[in-house]
């Protein structure tokens, strides 16, 4: 009899001939360990039993600056952090890329924005970004307490760089968390992400 797979799959199980499986709503969230800006190793498995949000970011991206410049991303981080959601911001810009940020640079930028994630993680090898199939900054994933992805895609439905649009947009992350934490099925489990390409 085959044993069921753990909901927290190691990265090594997600690669076949060097190609990462796409992560979509309904699948187990790939496990990872990434160092945060203070040098601490953070594991996704540490937050099993909680809702978690993964936010892919890059300070050089105008779409990211839209959501931070408007205060939208920080408001979401604070709103859901207050409800014990583990919000993890991930920068998968490869260490070899010109847009790579050192831990100090990334920490300083997040502080300057008044950001409030639980942790800011530097995926400098890009392994976790590739494992999730993260395509853009931002690219958002919502994970339930059992370790299953319940939303994957864009942050909202206003695919622009205009900060004013964040206020009137339909925010898919907020909607997914609101429905799931109310015991309802998530109405929109996946959308096409928009933003700058992840700098692998």
C-alpha atoms as a PDB file:
ATOM      1  CA  UNK A   1       0.000   0.000   0.000  1.00  0.00           C
ATOM      2  CA  UNK A   2       1.406   3.378  -0.996  1.00  0.00           C
ATOM      3  CA  UNK A   3       1.856   5.938   1.727  1.00  0.00           C
ATOM      4  CA  UNK A   4       0.328   9.387   1.037  1.00  0.00           C
ATOM      5  CA  UNK A   5       2.786  12.141   0.223  1.00  0.00           C
ATOM      6  CA  UNK A   6       3.494  14.725   2.879  1.00  0.00           C
ATOM      7  CA  UNK A   7       1.777  18.058   2.146  1.00  0.00           C
ATOM      8  CA  UNK A   8       5.193  19.718   2.490  1.00  0.00           C
ATOM      9  CA  UNK A   9       7.126  18.317  -0.455  1.00  0.00           C
ATOM     10  CA  UNK A  10      10.915  18.728  -0.523  1.00  0.00           C
ATOM     11  CA  UNK A  11      12.285  20.694  -3.452  1.00  0.00           C
ATOM     12  CA  UNK A  12      14.144  17.639  -4.708  1.00  0.00           C
ATOM     13  CA  UNK A  13      10.839  15.916  -5.480  1.00  0.00           C
ATOM     14  CA  UNK A  14       9.642  18.759  -7.679  1.00  0.00           C
ATOM     15  CA  UNK A  15      12.293  18.530 -10.371  1.00  0.00           C
ATOM     16  CA  UNK A  16      12.195  16.154 -13.306  1.00  0.00           C
ATOM     17  CA  UNK A  17      15.048  16.494 -15.810  1.00  0.00           C
ATOM     18  CA  UNK A  18      15.719  19.930 -14.370  1.00  0.00           C
ATOM     19  CA  UNK A  19      12.192  21.229 -14.965  1.00  0.00           C
ATOM     20  CA  UNK A  20      10.107  22.350 -11.997  1.00  0.00           C
ATOM     21  CA  UNK A  21       6.493  21.291 -11.727  1.00  0.00           C
ATOM     22  CA  UNK A  22       4.034  24.170 -11.826  1.00  0.00           C
ATOM     23  CA  UNK A  23       2.423  24.995  -8.512  1.00  0.00           C
ATOM     24  CA  UNK A  24      -1.309  25.602  -8.810  1.00  0.00           C
ATOM     25  CA  UNK A  25      -4.277  25.689  -6.460  1.00  0.00           C
ATOM     26  CA  UNK A  26      -5.078  22.264  -5.069  1.00  0.00           C
ATOM     27  CA  UNK A  27      -1.514  20.919  -4.886  1.00  0.00           C
ATOM     28  CA  UNK A  28       0.779  20.541  -1.899  1.00  0.00           C
ATOM     29  CA  UNK A  29       2.978  23.579  -1.310  1.00  0.00           C
ATOM     30  CA  UNK A  30       6.669  22.820  -1.955  1.00  0.00           C
ATOM     31  CA  UNK A  31       8.696  22.886   1.223  1.00  0.00           C
ATOM     32  CA  UNK A  32      11.714  25.144   1.452  1.00  0.00           C
ATOM     33  CA  UNK A  33      14.361  26.558   3.746  1.00  0.00           C
ATOM     34  CA  UNK A  34      15.549  30.082   2.884  1.00  0.00           C
ATOM     35  CA  UNK A  35      17.685  32.527   4.837  1.00  0.00           C
ATOM     36  CA  UNK A  36      16.019  35.774   5.844  1.00  0.00           C
ATOM     37  CA  UNK A  37      17.634  39.206   5.763  1.00  0.00           C
ATOM     38  CA  UNK A  38      18.959  38.751   9.300  1.00  0.00           C
ATOM     39  CA  UNK A  39      20.684  35.459   8.409  1.00  0.00           C
ATOM     40  CA  UNK A  40      18.117  33.169  10.051  1.00  0.00           C
ATOM     41  CA  UNK A  41      17.021  30.009   8.222  1.00  0.00           C
ATOM     42  CA  UNK A  42      13.252  29.980   7.726  1.00  0.00           C
ATOM     43  CA  UNK A  43      11.337  26.830   6.782  1.00  0.00           C
ATOM     44  CA  UNK A  44       7.838  26.795   5.354  1.00  0.00           C
ATOM     45  CA  UNK A  45       7.170  23.720   7.495  1.00  0.00           C
ATOM     46  CA  UNK A  46       7.550  25.918  10.586  1.00  0.00           C
ATOM     47  CA  UNK A  47       4.136  27.399   9.769  1.00  0.00           C
ATOM     48  CA  UNK A  48       2.190  24.210   9.192  1.00  0.00           C
ATOM     49  CA  UNK A  49      -1.146  24.592  10.946  1.00  0.00           C
ATOM     50  CA  UNK A  50      -1.406  28.249   9.915  1.00  0.00           C
ATOM     51  CA  UNK A  51      -2.434  30.022   6.776  1.00  0.00           C
ATOM     52  CA  UNK A  52       0.551  31.372   4.889  1.00  0.00           C
ATOM     53  CA  UNK A  53       1.037  33.866   2.077  1.00  0.00           C
ATOM     54  CA  UNK A  54       4.078  33.828  -0.198  1.00  0.00           C
ATOM     55  CA  UNK A  55       4.740  37.141  -1.936  1.00  0.00           C
ATOM     56  CA  UNK A  56       7.391  37.248  -4.657  1.00  0.00           C
ATOM     57  CA  UNK A  57       9.063  40.651  -4.820  1.00  0.00           C
ATOM     58  CA  UNK A  58      11.819  42.733  -6.405  1.00  0.00           C
ATOM     59  CA  UNK A  59      12.336  46.388  -5.360  1.00  0.00           C
ATOM     60  CA  UNK A  60      13.449  47.268  -8.910  1.00  0.00           C
ATOM     61  CA  UNK A  61      10.094  46.284 -10.419  1.00  0.00           C
ATOM     62  CA  UNK A  62       7.555  49.090 -11.091  1.00  0.00           C
ATOM     63  CA  UNK A  63       4.675  46.701 -10.397  1.00  0.00           C
ATOM     64  CA  UNK A  64       6.123  45.958  -6.967  1.00  0.00           C
ATOM     65  CA  UNK A  65       6.644  49.683  -6.382  1.00  0.00           C
ATOM     66  CA  UNK A  66       2.988  50.235  -7.303  1.00  0.00           C
ATOM     67  CA  UNK A  67       1.824  48.042  -4.437  1.00  0.00           C
ATOM     68  CA  UNK A  68       4.350  49.364  -1.922  1.00  0.00           C
ATOM     69  CA  UNK A  69       4.124  52.992  -3.041  1.00  0.00           C
ATOM     70  CA  UNK A  70       0.350  52.912  -2.578  1.00  0.00           C
ATOM     71  CA  UNK A  71       0.686  51.186   0.813  1.00  0.00           C
ATOM     72  CA  UNK A  72      -1.390  48.290  -0.491  1.00  0.00           C
ATOM     73  CA  UNK A  73       1.109  45.501   0.181  1.00  0.00           C
ATOM     74  CA  UNK A  74       1.984  46.767   3.657  1.00  0.00           C
ATOM     75  CA  UNK A  75      -1.728  47.024   4.538  1.00  0.00           C
ATOM     76  CA  UNK A  76      -2.278  43.414   3.503  1.00  0.00           C
ATOM     77  CA  UNK A  77       0.763  42.260   5.472  1.00  0.00           C
ATOM     78  CA  UNK A  78      -0.487  44.022   8.601  1.00  0.00           C
ATOM     79  CA  UNK A  79      -4.134  43.021   8.153  1.00  0.00           C
ATOM     80  CA  UNK A  80      -3.429  39.322   7.825  1.00  0.00           C
ATOM     81  CA  UNK A  81      -0.430  39.218  10.106  1.00  0.00           C
ATOM     82  CA  UNK A  82      -2.771  40.438  12.844  1.00  0.00           C
ATOM     83  CA  UNK A  83      -4.893  37.358  12.126  1.00  0.00           C
ATOM     84  CA  UNK A  84      -1.901  35.019  12.563  1.00  0.00           C
ATOM     85  CA  UNK A  85      -1.280  34.479   8.853  1.00  0.00           C
ATOM     86  CA  UNK A  86       2.406  33.792   8.145  1.00  0.00           C
ATOM     87  CA  UNK A  87       3.251  36.328   5.432  1.00  0.00           C
ATOM     88  CA  UNK A  88       6.597  35.566   3.805  1.00  0.00           C
ATOM     89  CA  UNK A  89       8.096  37.947   1.252  1.00  0.00           C
ATOM     90  CA  UNK A  90      10.542  36.225  -1.114  1.00  0.00           C
ATOM     91  CA  UNK A  91      13.090  37.783  -3.449  1.00  0.00           C
ATOM     92  CA  UNK A  92      14.252  35.142  -5.943  1.00  0.00           C
ATOM     93  CA  UNK A  93      16.506  37.477  -7.936  1.00  0.00           C
ATOM     94  CA  UNK A  94      19.568  35.354  -8.609  1.00  0.00           C
ATOM     95  CA  UNK A  95      22.823  36.406  -6.953  1.00  0.00           C
ATOM     96  CA  UNK A  96      24.398  36.701 -10.406  1.00  0.00           C
ATOM     97  CA  UNK A  97      21.827  39.240 -11.651  1.00  0.00           C
ATOM     98  CA  UNK A  98      22.409  43.002 -11.623  1.00  0.00           C
ATOM     99  CA  UNK A  99      19.163  43.533  -9.658  1.00  0.00           C
ATOM    100  CA  UNK A 100      20.221  41.239  -6.812  1.00  0.00           C
ATOM    101  CA  UNK A 101      19.949  42.804  -3.357  1.00  0.00           C
ATOM    102  CA  UNK A 102      22.203  41.920  -0.449  1.00  0.00           C
ATOM    103  CA  UNK A 103      20.509  41.118   2.861  1.00  0.00           C
ATOM    104  CA  UNK A 104      21.308  44.628   4.106  1.00  0.00           C
ATOM    105  CA  UNK A 105      19.987  46.307   0.972  1.00  0.00           C
ATOM    106  CA  UNK A 106      16.783  44.260   1.011  1.00  0.00           C
ATOM    107  CA  UNK A 107      16.261  44.882   4.719  1.00  0.00           C
ATOM    108  CA  UNK A 108      16.799  48.625   4.307  1.00  0.00           C
ATOM    109  CA  UNK A 109      14.340  48.805   1.425  1.00  0.00           C
ATOM    110  CA  UNK A 110      11.646  46.918   3.297  1.00  0.00           C
ATOM    111  CA  UNK A 111      12.110  49.165   6.332  1.00  0.00           C
ATOM    112  CA  UNK A 112      11.925  52.270   4.162  1.00  0.00           C
ATOM    113  CA  UNK A 113       8.571  51.051   2.843  1.00  0.00           C
ATOM    114  CA  UNK A 114       7.137  50.321   6.284  1.00  0.00           C
ATOM    115  CA  UNK A 115       6.704  46.700   5.234  1.00  0.00           C
ATOM    116  CA  UNK A 116       5.417  44.198   7.783  1.00  0.00           C
ATOM    117  CA  UNK A 117       5.848  40.602   6.563  1.00  0.00           C
ATOM    118  CA  UNK A 118       6.682  37.920   9.095  1.00  0.00           C
ATOM    119  CA  UNK A 119       9.996  37.488   7.257  1.00  0.00           C
ATOM    120  CA  UNK A 120      11.786  38.700   4.136  1.00  0.00           C
ATOM    121  CA  UNK A 121      13.616  35.831   2.452  1.00  0.00           C
ATOM    122  CA  UNK A 122      16.489  35.933  -0.046  1.00  0.00           C
ATOM    123  CA  UNK A 123      16.255  33.036  -2.479  1.00  0.00           C
ATOM    124  CA  UNK A 124      19.609  33.934  -4.042  1.00  0.00           C
ATOM    125  CA  UNK A 125      19.945  30.591  -5.865  1.00  0.00           C
ATOM    126  CA  UNK A 126      16.393  31.003  -7.250  1.00  0.00           C
ATOM    127  CA  UNK A 127      15.661  27.369  -6.323  1.00  0.00           C
ATOM    128  CA  UNK A 128      12.436  28.115  -4.467  1.00  0.00           C
ATOM    129  CA  UNK A 129      11.189  30.522  -7.108  1.00  0.00           C
ATOM    130  CA  UNK A 130      11.711  27.884  -9.786  1.00  0.00           C
ATOM    131  CA  UNK A 131      10.096  25.191  -7.617  1.00  0.00           C
ATOM    132  CA  UNK A 132       6.938  27.295  -7.335  1.00  0.00           C
ATOM    133  CA  UNK A 133       7.098  28.393 -10.953  1.00  0.00           C
ATOM    134  CA  UNK A 134       7.055  32.019  -9.793  1.00  0.00           C
ATOM    135  CA  UNK A 135       6.855  34.066 -12.971  1.00  0.00           C
ATOM    136  CA  UNK A 136       6.410  37.668 -11.924  1.00  0.00           C
ATOM    137  CA  UNK A 137       6.914  40.188  -9.171  1.00  0.00           C
ATOM    138  CA  UNK A 138       4.542  40.192  -7.490  1.00  0.00           C
ATOM    139  CA  UNK A 139       3.351  36.580  -7.746  1.00  0.00           C
ATOM    140  CA  UNK A 140       1.175  35.455  -4.846  1.00  0.00           C
ATOM    141  CA  UNK A 141       0.449  32.074  -3.257  1.00  0.00           C
ATOM    142  CA  UNK A 142      -1.953  31.377  -0.384  1.00  0.00           C
ATOM    143  CA  UNK A 143      -1.444  28.138   1.555  1.00  0.00           C
ATOM    144  CA  UNK A 144      -3.917  26.596   3.984  1.00  0.00           C
ATOM    145  CA  UNK A 145      -3.058  25.069   7.391  1.00  0.00           C
ATOM    146  CA  UNK A 146      -2.827  21.582   5.857  1.00  0.00           C
ATOM    147  CA  UNK A 147      -0.115  22.760   3.484  1.00  0.00           C
ATOM    148  CA  UNK A 148      -2.229  22.957   0.331  1.00  0.00           C
ATOM    149  CA  UNK A 149      -2.107  25.867  -2.104  1.00  0.00           C
ATOM    150  CA  UNK A 150      -5.571  27.450  -2.244  1.00  0.00           C
ATOM    151  CA  UNK A 151      -4.693  30.447  -4.397  1.00  0.00           C
ATOM    152  CA  UNK A 152      -1.944  31.113  -6.933  1.00  0.00           C
ATOM    153  CA  UNK A 153      -1.588  34.069  -9.261  1.00  0.00           C
ATOM    154  CA  UNK A 154      -1.942  37.829  -9.439  1.00  0.00           C
ATOM    155  CA  UNK A 155      -2.418  40.026  -6.396  1.00  0.00           C
ATOM    156  CA  UNK A 156      -5.455  41.700  -7.968  1.00  0.00           C
ATOM    157  CA  UNK A 157      -7.313  42.415 -11.216  1.00  0.00           C
ATOM    158  CA  UNK A 158      -5.779  45.808 -12.065  1.00  0.00           C
ATOM    159  CA  UNK A 159      -2.807  44.874 -14.230  1.00  0.00           C
ATOM    160  CA  UNK A 160      -1.126  48.287 -14.223  1.00  0.00           C
ATOM    161  CA  UNK A 161       1.733  50.154 -12.551  1.00  0.00           C
ATOM    162  CA  UNK A 162      -0.568  52.958 -11.380  1.00  0.00           C
ATOM    163  CA  UNK A 163      -0.599  53.091  -7.539  1.00  0.00           C
ATOM    164  CA  UNK A 164      -4.115  54.551  -7.558  1.00  0.00           C
ATOM    165  CA  UNK A 165      -5.480  51.352  -9.092  1.00  0.00           C
ATOM    166  CA  UNK A 166      -4.628  49.332  -5.992  1.00  0.00           C
ATOM    167  CA  UNK A 167      -7.423  51.043  -4.063  1.00  0.00           C
ATOM    168  CA  UNK A 168     -10.196  50.036  -6.476  1.00  0.00           C
ATOM    169  CA  UNK A 169      -8.917  46.600  -7.479  1.00  0.00           C
ATOM    170  CA  UNK A 170     -10.464  43.247  -6.621  1.00  0.00           C
ATOM    171  CA  UNK A 171      -7.740  41.811  -4.391  1.00  0.00           C
ATOM    172  CA  UNK A 172      -7.558  38.063  -4.961  1.00  0.00           C
ATOM    173  CA  UNK A 173      -5.339  37.400  -1.941  1.00  0.00           C
ATOM    174  CA  UNK A 174      -7.702  39.115   0.479  1.00  0.00           C
ATOM    175  CA  UNK A 175     -10.675  37.352  -1.099  1.00  0.00           C
ATOM    176  CA  UNK A 176      -9.062  33.904  -0.839  1.00  0.00           C
ATOM    177  CA  UNK A 177      -8.055  34.385   2.796  1.00  0.00           C
ATOM    178  CA  UNK A 178     -11.441  35.838   3.757  1.00  0.00           C
ATOM    179  CA  UNK A 179     -13.344  32.938   2.213  1.00  0.00           C
ATOM    180  CA  UNK A 180     -11.020  30.214   3.476  1.00  0.00           C
ATOM    181  CA  UNK A 181     -10.866  31.541   7.039  1.00  0.00           C
ATOM    182  CA  UNK A 182     -14.671  31.750   7.054  1.00  0.00           C
ATOM    183  CA  UNK A 183     -14.903  28.063   6.176  1.00  0.00           C
ATOM    184  CA  UNK A 184     -15.948  28.715   2.584  1.00  0.00           C
ATOM    185  CA  UNK A 185     -14.492  27.362  -0.639  1.00  0.00           C
ATOM    186  CA  UNK A 186     -12.183  29.795  -2.430  1.00  0.00           C
ATOM    187  CA  UNK A 187     -14.122  31.157  -5.395  1.00  0.00           C
ATOM    188  CA  UNK A 188     -11.075  32.174  -7.466  1.00  0.00           C
ATOM    189  CA  UNK A 189      -8.230  29.741  -6.900  1.00  0.00           C
ATOM    190  CA  UNK A 190      -5.946  30.788  -9.729  1.00  0.00           C
ATOM    191  CA  UNK A 191      -5.300  33.724 -12.029  1.00  0.00           C
ATOM    192  CA  UNK A 192      -2.533  34.715 -14.412  1.00  0.00           C
ATOM    193  CA  UNK A 193       0.083  36.723 -12.494  1.00  0.00           C
ATOM    194  CA  UNK A 194       1.223  40.102 -13.785  1.00  0.00           C
ATOM    195  CA  UNK A 195       4.355  42.166 -13.173  1.00  0.00           C
ATOM    196  CA  UNK A 196       8.041  42.038 -14.029  1.00  0.00           C
ATOM    197  CA  UNK A 197       9.685  38.711 -14.799  1.00  0.00           C
ATOM    198  CA  UNK A 198      11.479  37.035 -11.901  1.00  0.00           C
ATOM    199  CA  UNK A 199      15.189  37.626 -12.499  1.00  0.00           C
ATOM    200  CA  UNK A 200      16.481  34.048 -12.602  1.00  0.00           C
END
